[in-house]
mmCIF file of all heavy atoms, coordinates in Angstrom:
data_MODEL
# 
_entry.id   MODEL 
# 
loop_
_atom_site.group_PDB 
_atom_site.id 
_atom_site.type_symbol 
_atom_site.label_atom_id 
_atom_site.label_alt_id 
_atom_site.label_comp_id 
_atom_site.label_asym_id 
_atom_site.label_entity_id 
_atom_site.label_seq_id 
_atom_site.pdbx_PDB_ins_code 
_atom_site.Cartn_x 
_atom_site.Cartn_y 
_atom_site.Cartn_z 
_atom_site.occupancy 
_atom_site.B_iso_or_equiv 
_atom_site.pdbx_formal_charge 
_atom_site.auth_seq_id 
_atom_site.auth_comp_id 
_atom_site.auth_asym_id 
_atom_site.auth_atom_id 
_atom_site.pdbx_PDB_model_num 
ATOM 1   N N   . CYS A 1 1  ? 36.467 85.641 20.466 1.00 0.00 ? 1  CYS A N   1 
ATOM 2   C CA  . CYS A 1 1  ? 35.360 86.593 20.444 1.00 0.00 ? 1  CYS A CA  1 
ATOM 3   C C   . CYS A 1 1  ? 34.019 85.924 20.957 1.00 0.00 ? 1  CYS A C   1 
ATOM 4   O O   . CYS A 1 1  ? 32.961 86.403 20.831 1.00 0.00 ? 1  CYS A O   1 
ATOM 5   C CB  . CYS A 1 1  ? 35.020 87.071 19.027 1.00 0.00 ? 1  CYS A CB  1 
ATOM 6   S SG  . CYS A 1 1  ? 36.425 88.097 18.479 1.00 0.00 ? 1  CYS A SG  1 
ATOM 7   N N   . SER A 1 2  ? 34.188 84.730 21.469 1.00 0.00 ? 2  SER A N   1 
ATOM 8   C CA  . SER A 1 2  ? 33.132 84.056 22.184 1.00 0.00 ? 2  SER A CA  1 
ATOM 9   C C   . SER A 1 2  ? 33.774 82.976 23.083 1.00 0.00 ? 2  SER A C   1 
ATOM 10  O O   . SER A 1 2  ? 34.994 82.723 23.087 1.00 0.00 ? 2  SER A O   1 
ATOM 11  C CB  . SER A 1 2  ? 32.221 83.208 21.255 1.00 0.00 ? 2  SER A CB  1 
ATOM 12  O OG  . SER A 1 2  ? 32.850 82.148 20.661 1.00 0.00 ? 2  SER A OG  1 
ATOM 13  N N   . VAL A 1 3  ? 32.975 82.383 24.040 1.00 0.00 ? 3  VAL A N   1 
ATOM 14  C CA  . VAL A 1 3  ? 33.512 81.455 24.993 1.00 0.00 ? 3  VAL A CA  1 
ATOM 15  C C   . VAL A 1 3  ? 32.440 80.305 25.223 1.00 0.00 ? 3  VAL A C   1 
ATOM 16  O O   . VAL A 1 3  ? 31.249 80.738 25.284 1.00 0.00 ? 3  VAL A O   1 
ATOM 17  C CB  . VAL A 1 3  ? 33.856 82.000 26.278 1.00 0.00 ? 3  VAL A CB  1 
ATOM 18  C CG1 . VAL A 1 3  ? 32.762 82.728 27.002 1.00 0.00 ? 3  VAL A CG1 1 
ATOM 19  C CG2 . VAL A 1 3  ? 34.483 81.000 27.280 1.00 0.00 ? 3  VAL A CG2 1 
ATOM 20  N N   . ALA A 1 4  ? 32.806 79.181 25.163 1.00 0.00 ? 4  ALA A N   1 
ATOM 21  C CA  . ALA A 1 4  ? 31.951 78.020 25.435 1.00 0.00 ? 4  ALA A CA  1 
ATOM 22  C C   . ALA A 1 4  ? 32.313 77.228 26.547 1.00 0.00 ? 4  ALA A C   1 
ATOM 23  O O   . ALA A 1 4  ? 33.500 76.966 26.771 1.00 0.00 ? 4  ALA A O   1 
ATOM 24  C CB  . ALA A 1 4  ? 31.958 77.136 24.089 1.00 0.00 ? 4  ALA A CB  1 
ATOM 25  N N   . VAL A 1 5  ? 31.387 76.721 27.314 1.00 0.00 ? 5  VAL A N   1 
ATOM 26  C CA  . VAL A 1 5  ? 31.542 75.997 28.514 1.00 0.00 ? 5  VAL A CA  1 
ATOM 27  C C   . VAL A 1 5  ? 31.000 74.615 28.187 1.00 0.00 ? 5  VAL A C   1 
ATOM 28  O O   . VAL A 1 5  ? 29.768 74.465 27.964 1.00 0.00 ? 5  VAL A O   1 
ATOM 29  C CB  . VAL A 1 5  ? 31.005 76.551 29.794 1.00 0.00 ? 5  VAL A CB  1 
ATOM 30  C CG1 . VAL A 1 5  ? 31.209 75.655 31.053 1.00 0.00 ? 5  VAL A CG1 1 
ATOM 31  C CG2 . VAL A 1 5  ? 31.548 77.897 30.071 1.00 0.00 ? 5  VAL A CG2 1 
ATOM 32  N N   . HIS A 1 6  ? 31.736 73.593 28.186 1.00 0.00 ? 6  HIS A N   1 
ATOM 33  C CA  . HIS A 1 6  ? 31.350 72.188 27.895 1.00 0.00 ? 6  HIS A CA  1 
ATOM 34  C C   . HIS A 1 6  ? 31.243 71.320 29.166 1.00 0.00 ? 6  HIS A C   1 
ATOM 35  O O   . HIS A 1 6  ? 32.205 71.406 30.059 1.00 0.00 ? 6  HIS A O   1 
ATOM 36  C CB  . HIS A 1 6  ? 32.300 71.469 26.943 1.00 0.00 ? 6  HIS A CB  1 
ATOM 37  C CG  . HIS A 1 6  ? 32.461 72.181 25.638 1.00 0.00 ? 6  HIS A CG  1 
ATOM 38  N ND1 . HIS A 1 6  ? 31.809 71.808 24.604 1.00 0.00 ? 6  HIS A ND1 1 
ATOM 39  C CD2 . HIS A 1 6  ? 33.292 73.227 25.298 1.00 0.00 ? 6  HIS A CD2 1 
ATOM 40  C CE1 . HIS A 1 6  ? 32.194 72.585 23.520 1.00 0.00 ? 6  HIS A CE1 1 
ATOM 41  N NE2 . HIS A 1 6  ? 33.114 73.429 23.928 1.00 0.00 ? 6  HIS A NE2 1 
ATOM 42  N N   . TRP A 1 7  ? 30.208 70.624 29.396 1.00 0.00 ? 7  TRP A N   1 
ATOM 43  C CA  . TRP A 1 7  ? 29.965 69.706 30.561 1.00 0.00 ? 7  TRP A CA  1 
ATOM 44  C C   . TRP A 1 7  ? 29.528 68.363 30.242 1.00 0.00 ? 7  TRP A C   1 
ATOM 45  O O   . TRP A 1 7  ? 29.003 67.610 31.102 1.00 0.00 ? 7  TRP A O   1 
ATOM 46  C CB  . TRP A 1 7  ? 29.127 70.341 31.550 1.00 0.00 ? 7  TRP A CB  1 
ATOM 47  C CG  . TRP A 1 7  ? 27.746 70.759 31.114 1.00 0.00 ? 7  TRP A CG  1 
ATOM 48  C CD1 . TRP A 1 7  ? 26.660 69.978 30.945 1.00 0.00 ? 7  TRP A CD1 1 
ATOM 49  C CD2 . TRP A 1 7  ? 27.305 72.008 30.695 1.00 0.00 ? 7  TRP A CD2 1 
ATOM 50  N NE1 . TRP A 1 7  ? 25.585 70.618 30.468 1.00 0.00 ? 7  TRP A NE1 1 
ATOM 51  C CE2 . TRP A 1 7  ? 26.001 72.037 30.210 1.00 0.00 ? 7  TRP A CE2 1 
ATOM 52  C CE3 . TRP A 1 7  ? 27.965 73.336 30.543 1.00 0.00 ? 7  TRP A CE3 1 
ATOM 53  C CZ2 . TRP A 1 7  ? 25.260 73.072 29.880 1.00 0.00 ? 7  TRP A CZ2 1 
ATOM 54  C CZ3 . TRP A 1 7  ? 27.293 74.383 30.176 1.00 0.00 ? 7  TRP A CZ3 1 
ATOM 55  C CH2 . TRP A 1 7  ? 25.884 74.313 29.700 1.00 0.00 ? 7  TRP A CH2 1 
ATOM 56  N N   . ARG A 1 8  ? 29.833 67.878 29.018 1.00 0.00 ? 8  ARG A N   1 
ATOM 57  C CA  . ARG A 1 8  ? 29.407 66.554 28.537 1.00 0.00 ? 8  ARG A CA  1 
ATOM 58  C C   . ARG A 1 8  ? 29.858 65.475 29.466 1.00 0.00 ? 8  ARG A C   1 
ATOM 59  O O   . ARG A 1 8  ? 29.106 64.484 29.721 1.00 0.00 ? 8  ARG A O   1 
ATOM 60  C CB  . ARG A 1 8  ? 29.853 66.328 27.092 1.00 0.00 ? 8  ARG A CB  1 
ATOM 61  C CG  . ARG A 1 8  ? 29.544 64.967 26.548 1.00 0.00 ? 8  ARG A CG  1 
ATOM 62  C CD  . ARG A 1 8  ? 29.728 64.952 25.078 1.00 0.00 ? 8  ARG A CD  1 
ATOM 63  N NE  . ARG A 1 8  ? 29.081 65.951 24.316 1.00 0.00 ? 8  ARG A NE  1 
ATOM 64  C CZ  . ARG A 1 8  ? 27.913 65.814 23.865 1.00 0.00 ? 8  ARG A CZ  1 
ATOM 65  N NH1 . ARG A 1 8  ? 27.202 64.687 24.083 1.00 0.00 ? 8  ARG A NH1 1 
ATOM 66  N NH2 . ARG A 1 8  ? 27.335 66.793 23.273 1.00 0.00 ? 8  ARG A NH2 1 
ATOM 67  N N   . LEU A 1 9  ? 31.130 65.582 29.987 1.00 0.00 ? 9  LEU A N   1 
ATOM 68  C CA  . LEU A 1 9  ? 31.728 64.414 30.835 1.00 0.00 ? 9  LEU A CA  1 
ATOM 69  C C   . LEU A 1 9  ? 31.625 64.783 32.269 1.00 0.00 ? 9  LEU A C   1 
ATOM 70  O O   . LEU A 1 9  ? 32.039 63.884 33.035 1.00 0.00 ? 9  LEU A O   1 
ATOM 71  C CB  . LEU A 1 9  ? 33.151 64.386 30.459 1.00 0.00 ? 9  LEU A CB  1 
ATOM 72  C CG  . LEU A 1 9  ? 33.527 64.025 28.959 1.00 0.00 ? 9  LEU A CG  1 
ATOM 73  C CD1 . LEU A 1 9  ? 35.072 63.818 28.850 1.00 0.00 ? 9  LEU A CD1 1 
ATOM 74  C CD2 . LEU A 1 9  ? 32.896 62.613 28.654 1.00 0.00 ? 9  LEU A CD2 1 
ATOM 75  N N   . ALA A 1 10 ? 30.887 65.779 32.649 1.00 0.00 ? 10 ALA A N   1 
ATOM 76  C CA  . ALA A 1 10 ? 30.833 66.135 34.129 1.00 0.00 ? 10 ALA A CA  1 
ATOM 77  C C   . ALA A 1 10 ? 29.707 65.314 34.856 1.00 0.00 ? 10 ALA A C   1 
ATOM 78  O O   . ALA A 1 10 ? 28.767 64.820 34.092 1.00 0.00 ? 10 ALA A O   1 
ATOM 79  C CB  . ALA A 1 10 ? 30.459 67.657 34.227 1.00 0.00 ? 10 ALA A CB  1 
ATOM 80  N N   . THR A 1 11 ? 29.708 65.297 36.130 1.00 0.00 ? 11 THR A N   1 
ATOM 81  C CA  . THR A 1 11 ? 28.582 64.623 36.857 1.00 0.00 ? 11 THR A CA  1 
ATOM 82  C C   . THR A 1 11 ? 27.464 65.606 36.721 1.00 0.00 ? 11 THR A C   1 
ATOM 83  O O   . THR A 1 11 ? 27.584 66.665 36.408 1.00 0.00 ? 11 THR A O   1 
ATOM 84  C CB  . THR A 1 11 ? 29.090 64.521 38.344 1.00 0.00 ? 11 THR A CB  1 
ATOM 85  O OG1 . THR A 1 11 ? 29.334 65.801 38.902 1.00 0.00 ? 11 THR A OG1 1 
ATOM 86  C CG2 . THR A 1 11 ? 30.344 63.690 38.505 1.00 0.00 ? 11 THR A CG2 1 
ATOM 87  N N   . PRO A 1 12 ? 26.285 65.006 37.029 1.00 0.00 ? 12 PRO A N   1 
ATOM 88  C CA  . PRO A 1 12 ? 25.079 65.885 36.962 1.00 0.00 ? 12 PRO A CA  1 
ATOM 89  C C   . PRO A 1 12 ? 25.194 67.139 37.828 1.00 0.00 ? 12 PRO A C   1 
ATOM 90  O O   . PRO A 1 12 ? 24.669 68.244 37.486 1.00 0.00 ? 12 PRO A O   1 
ATOM 91  C CB  . PRO A 1 12 ? 23.905 64.993 37.468 1.00 0.00 ? 12 PRO A CB  1 
ATOM 92  C CG  . PRO A 1 12 ? 24.406 63.594 37.034 1.00 0.00 ? 12 PRO A CG  1 
ATOM 93  C CD  . PRO A 1 12 ? 25.848 63.655 37.284 1.00 0.00 ? 12 PRO A CD  1 
ATOM 94  N N   . SER A 1 13 ? 25.725 67.014 39.016 1.00 0.00 ? 13 SER A N   1 
ATOM 95  C CA  . SER A 1 13 ? 25.919 68.092 39.896 1.00 0.00 ? 13 SER A CA  1 
ATOM 96  C C   . SER A 1 13 ? 26.769 69.262 39.382 1.00 0.00 ? 13 SER A C   1 
ATOM 97  O O   . SER A 1 13 ? 26.523 70.329 39.224 1.00 0.00 ? 13 SER A O   1 
ATOM 98  C CB  . SER A 1 13 ? 26.424 67.589 41.379 1.00 0.00 ? 13 SER A CB  1 
ATOM 99  O OG  . SER A 1 13 ? 26.623 68.783 42.174 1.00 0.00 ? 13 SER A OG  1 
ATOM 100 N N   . ASP A 1 14 ? 27.972 68.727 38.827 1.00 0.00 ? 14 ASP A N   1 
ATOM 101 C CA  . ASP A 1 14 ? 28.894 69.724 38.274 1.00 0.00 ? 14 ASP A CA  1 
ATOM 102 C C   . ASP A 1 14 ? 28.390 70.222 36.966 1.00 0.00 ? 14 ASP A C   1 
ATOM 103 O O   . ASP A 1 14 ? 28.688 71.441 36.693 1.00 0.00 ? 14 ASP A O   1 
ATOM 104 C CB  . ASP A 1 14 ? 30.286 69.094 38.081 1.00 0.00 ? 14 ASP A CB  1 
ATOM 105 C CG  . ASP A 1 14 ? 31.069 68.987 39.373 1.00 0.00 ? 14 ASP A CG  1 
ATOM 106 O OD1 . ASP A 1 14 ? 30.521 69.369 40.418 1.00 0.00 ? 14 ASP A OD1 1 
ATOM 107 O OD2 . ASP A 1 14 ? 32.211 68.407 39.327 1.00 0.00 ? 14 ASP A OD2 1 
ATOM 108 N N   . ALA A 1 15 ? 27.648 69.461 36.232 1.00 0.00 ? 15 ALA A N   1 
ATOM 109 C CA  . ALA A 1 15 ? 27.041 69.974 35.000 1.00 0.00 ? 15 ALA A CA  1 
ATOM 110 C C   . ALA A 1 15 ? 26.089 71.082 35.363 1.00 0.00 ? 15 ALA A C   1 
ATOM 111 O O   . ALA A 1 15 ? 26.093 72.225 34.621 1.00 0.00 ? 15 ALA A O   1 
ATOM 112 C CB  . ALA A 1 15 ? 26.293 68.891 34.243 1.00 0.00 ? 15 ALA A CB  1 
ATOM 113 N N   . GLY A 1 16 ? 25.335 70.989 36.405 1.00 0.00 ? 16 GLY A N   1 
ATOM 114 C CA  . GLY A 1 16 ? 24.313 71.996 36.722 1.00 0.00 ? 16 GLY A CA  1 
ATOM 115 C C   . GLY A 1 16 ? 25.129 73.272 37.259 1.00 0.00 ? 16 GLY A C   1 
ATOM 116 O O   . GLY A 1 16 ? 24.642 74.298 36.862 1.00 0.00 ? 16 GLY A O   1 
ATOM 117 N N   . LYS A 1 17 ? 26.123 73.131 37.919 1.00 0.00 ? 17 LYS A N   1 
ATOM 118 C CA  . LYS A 1 17 ? 26.906 74.216 38.365 1.00 0.00 ? 17 LYS A CA  1 
ATOM 119 C C   . LYS A 1 17 ? 27.658 74.985 37.198 1.00 0.00 ? 17 LYS A C   1 
ATOM 120 O O   . LYS A 1 17 ? 27.661 76.164 37.155 1.00 0.00 ? 17 LYS A O   1 
ATOM 121 C CB  . LYS A 1 17 ? 28.098 73.831 39.447 1.00 0.00 ? 17 LYS A CB  1 
ATOM 122 C CG  . LYS A 1 17 ? 27.481 73.332 40.696 1.00 0.00 ? 17 LYS A CG  1 
ATOM 123 C CD  . LYS A 1 17 ? 28.619 72.759 41.598 1.00 0.00 ? 17 LYS A CD  1 
ATOM 124 C CE  . LYS A 1 17 ? 28.033 72.190 43.003 1.00 0.00 ? 17 LYS A CE  1 
ATOM 125 N NZ  . LYS A 1 17 ? 28.982 71.633 43.710 1.00 0.00 ? 17 LYS A NZ  1 
ATOM 126 N N   . ALA A 1 18 ? 28.010 74.219 36.235 1.00 0.00 ? 18 ALA A N   1 
ATOM 127 C CA  . ALA A 1 18 ? 28.594 74.721 35.027 1.00 0.00 ? 18 ALA A CA  1 
ATOM 128 C C   . ALA A 1 18 ? 27.661 75.623 34.240 1.00 0.00 ? 18 ALA A C   1 
ATOM 129 O O   . ALA A 1 18 ? 27.996 76.735 33.810 1.00 0.00 ? 18 ALA A O   1 
ATOM 130 C CB  . ALA A 1 18 ? 29.400 73.739 34.164 1.00 0.00 ? 18 ALA A CB  1 
ATOM 131 N N   . GLN A 1 19 ? 26.477 74.979 34.048 1.00 0.00 ? 19 GLN A N   1 
ATOM 132 C CA  . GLN A 1 19 ? 25.439 75.756 33.260 1.00 0.00 ? 19 GLN A CA  1 
ATOM 133 C C   . GLN A 1 19 ? 25.005 76.978 34.077 1.00 0.00 ? 19 GLN A C   1 
ATOM 134 O O   . GLN A 1 19 ? 24.801 78.079 33.456 1.00 0.00 ? 19 GLN A O   1 
ATOM 135 C CB  . GLN A 1 19 ? 24.244 74.844 33.118 1.00 0.00 ? 19 GLN A CB  1 
ATOM 136 C CG  . GLN A 1 19 ? 23.155 75.559 32.315 1.00 0.00 ? 19 GLN A CG  1 
ATOM 137 C CD  . GLN A 1 19 ? 22.082 74.682 31.810 1.00 0.00 ? 19 GLN A CD  1 
ATOM 138 O OE1 . GLN A 1 19 ? 22.132 73.388 31.810 1.00 0.00 ? 19 GLN A OE1 1 
ATOM 139 N NE2 . GLN A 1 19 ? 20.946 75.195 31.426 1.00 0.00 ? 19 GLN A NE2 1 
ATOM 140 N N   . ALA A 1 20 ? 24.916 76.973 35.412 1.00 0.00 ? 20 ALA A N   1 
ATOM 141 C CA  . ALA A 1 20 ? 24.590 78.154 36.122 1.00 0.00 ? 20 ALA A CA  1 
ATOM 142 C C   . ALA A 1 20 ? 25.629 79.133 36.044 1.00 0.00 ? 20 ALA A C   1 
ATOM 143 O O   . ALA A 1 20 ? 25.315 80.405 35.987 1.00 0.00 ? 20 ALA A O   1 
ATOM 144 C CB  . ALA A 1 20 ? 24.297 77.708 37.563 1.00 0.00 ? 20 ALA A CB  1 
ATOM 145 N N   . ALA A 1 21 ? 27.002 78.762 35.910 1.00 0.00 ? 21 ALA A N   1 
ATOM 146 C CA  . ALA A 1 21 ? 28.023 79.749 35.891 1.00 0.00 ? 21 ALA A CA  1 
ATOM 147 C C   . ALA A 1 21 ? 28.053 80.389 34.507 1.00 0.00 ? 21 ALA A C   1 
ATOM 148 O O   . ALA A 1 21 ? 28.194 81.709 34.469 1.00 0.00 ? 21 ALA A O   1 
ATOM 149 C CB  . ALA A 1 21 ? 29.340 78.937 36.083 1.00 0.00 ? 21 ALA A CB  1 
ATOM 150 N N   . VAL A 1 22 ? 27.763 79.686 33.473 1.00 0.00 ? 22 VAL A N   1 
ATOM 151 C CA  . VAL A 1 22 ? 27.676 80.423 32.151 1.00 0.00 ? 22 VAL A CA  1 
ATOM 152 C C   . VAL A 1 22 ? 26.506 81.289 31.964 1.00 0.00 ? 22 VAL A C   1 
ATOM 153 O O   . VAL A 1 22 ? 26.589 82.368 31.351 1.00 0.00 ? 22 VAL A O   1 
ATOM 154 C CB  . VAL A 1 22 ? 27.929 79.343 30.974 1.00 0.00 ? 22 VAL A CB  1 
ATOM 155 C CG1 . VAL A 1 22 ? 26.647 78.530 30.838 1.00 0.00 ? 22 VAL A CG1 1 
ATOM 156 C CG2 . VAL A 1 22 ? 28.228 80.113 29.758 1.00 0.00 ? 22 VAL A CG2 1 
ATOM 157 N N   . GLU A 1 23 ? 25.421 80.838 32.563 1.00 0.00 ? 23 GLU A N   1 
ATOM 158 C CA  . GLU A 1 23 ? 24.114 81.713 32.491 1.00 0.00 ? 23 GLU A CA  1 
ATOM 159 C C   . GLU A 1 23 ? 24.389 82.903 33.305 1.00 0.00 ? 23 GLU A C   1 
ATOM 160 O O   . GLU A 1 23 ? 24.043 84.016 32.842 1.00 0.00 ? 23 GLU A O   1 
ATOM 161 C CB  . GLU A 1 23 ? 23.056 80.882 33.107 1.00 0.00 ? 23 GLU A CB  1 
ATOM 162 C CG  . GLU A 1 23 ? 22.508 79.691 32.115 1.00 0.00 ? 23 GLU A CG  1 
ATOM 163 C CD  . GLU A 1 23 ? 21.513 78.859 32.811 1.00 0.00 ? 23 GLU A CD  1 
ATOM 164 O OE1 . GLU A 1 23 ? 21.317 78.952 34.021 1.00 0.00 ? 23 GLU A OE1 1 
ATOM 165 O OE2 . GLU A 1 23 ? 20.790 78.098 32.102 1.00 0.00 ? 23 GLU A OE2 1 
ATOM 166 N N   . GLY A 1 24 ? 25.043 82.779 34.456 1.00 0.00 ? 24 GLY A N   1 
ATOM 167 C CA  . GLY A 1 24 ? 25.374 84.021 35.385 1.00 0.00 ? 24 GLY A CA  1 
ATOM 168 C C   . GLY A 1 24 ? 26.312 85.032 34.581 1.00 0.00 ? 24 GLY A C   1 
ATOM 169 O O   . GLY A 1 24 ? 26.186 86.178 34.543 1.00 0.00 ? 24 GLY A O   1 
ATOM 170 N N   . ALA A 1 25 ? 27.363 84.391 33.890 1.00 0.00 ? 25 ALA A N   1 
ATOM 171 C CA  . ALA A 1 25 ? 28.268 85.218 33.067 1.00 0.00 ? 25 ALA A CA  1 
ATOM 172 C C   . ALA A 1 25 ? 27.522 86.049 32.042 1.00 0.00 ? 25 ALA A C   1 
ATOM 173 O O   . ALA A 1 25 ? 27.805 87.207 31.735 1.00 0.00 ? 25 ALA A O   1 
ATOM 174 C CB  . ALA A 1 25 ? 29.354 84.366 32.625 1.00 0.00 ? 25 ALA A CB  1 
# 
């Protein structure tokens, strides 16, 4: 009933893309 996207171990570039993806969703 919810979904979390974690980017603790990601590079700064991929972390930014992950955050943008969850914000867009």
